[in-house]
Amino acid sequence: MVYNIGVDVNGSDDGPKMMVDGALAAIKANKDIAVTLFGDETIIKNCLGENYDANTIKIVHAPDVITNTESPTEAVRQKKESSIVKAMEYLAKKEIDGVVSAGSTGAVLTAATLIARRIPGVKRPALAPIMPTLKGPLLLIDCGANNDSTPEFLEQFAIMGSLYMKHLFKIEAPRVALINNGAEAGKGNALTKEAYKLIEKLPINFVGNLEPRYILEGTADVAVSDGFIGNMVLKTTEGVAKSLFTLMKKEFTSSLKNKIGAAILKPAFKNIKTMMDYTEHGGAVLLGVNGGVIKGHGSSNVRAVQVCVQQARDFAKSGIIDEIKQDLSSIE
């Protein structure tokens, strides 16, 4: 079976060509992927060149662009010809199997919720990126879709996150933890205390609270949080990693002796950089909507876009939406 993934070519920091090239890379590497490119038809064709396979690449003319400075709700309602709106319409009609966008996060969330709509029973969709840890991948849910959450939202995030890691990463009983300021069950604010009580009753592998300093140690497969804290954790981790690599580069080039040592250790450092590189882990999946919606970094390069497209394909293959419906209905 071939999975048709919609790619919003607008929104990338580096322009449409980056998104188009990433989509082409995904097709080249995977025989079960086709793409539908949403954006200005003339620009897309210029990026593709004259020779492209119409069997694996389709173009939907959507010239309008929603920027990060616009109100997401107003823009989605007014810009009917925008690439993200058109892509979500195709997803809602099942004409494509998933959507990848590196555009405005607010526009992606709003369009997915208003057009593709939520899975029945889902109170709020959640953004969930994969973070690398010392012992494997970890799903952080939520990382920014819901700055103000309720205990019931976090309860559902725990269920959806567990299902995602089970189906997409083949972990039989994913370890689900609640991000908190202490490991003890009674720690936290009113939100985490109530969420803890709800999550511990779920038929999932709940391992309790998780202090942020232990997130990268790999003691959990899913880390549950409200969107505000989750976003802070994600951005702080990215910032620390970037600063650390900058500091290492500075030190390793500061003297001849250090340069020699760096040359010897170069393969090891390359492996570490690859493990920490977001481009190898795809984008943030929007769990809770009817379809696989992947939000990539605005600065995504060709490799990152390729991985996001493959991630959307994997989501479509997993059948996770039916599982979410079933599991959420059992706790209502």
Foldseek 3Di string as FASTA:
>chain_A
DAAEEEEEQPAFPVGSLQLLLLLVVLVVVDVRYAYEYEEAPVVSCVSVDDDDDCVRYHYDYQHDADAQPDDLQVCLVPRCSHRLLVNLQCVLVVVGFEYEYQHHPSNNLNSLCVRLRFQPLQPGWAWWFWAAAPVGIAIETHAARFQDDALVNLLLSQVLRQLCCCQLVVDPAFEEAEEFQDQDQCGHDPRSNSNSVNNVPAPGNYPGHDYLVCPRNPPGRYYTDGNNVNNVSVVVVVVVVVVVVVVLVCVLPVDPVSVVVCVVCVVVVVVVCVSRDSLQREAIWTPGGSHTYGHHHSPHGSSSSSVNSVVRVSVSVRPSSVVSNVRSVVVD
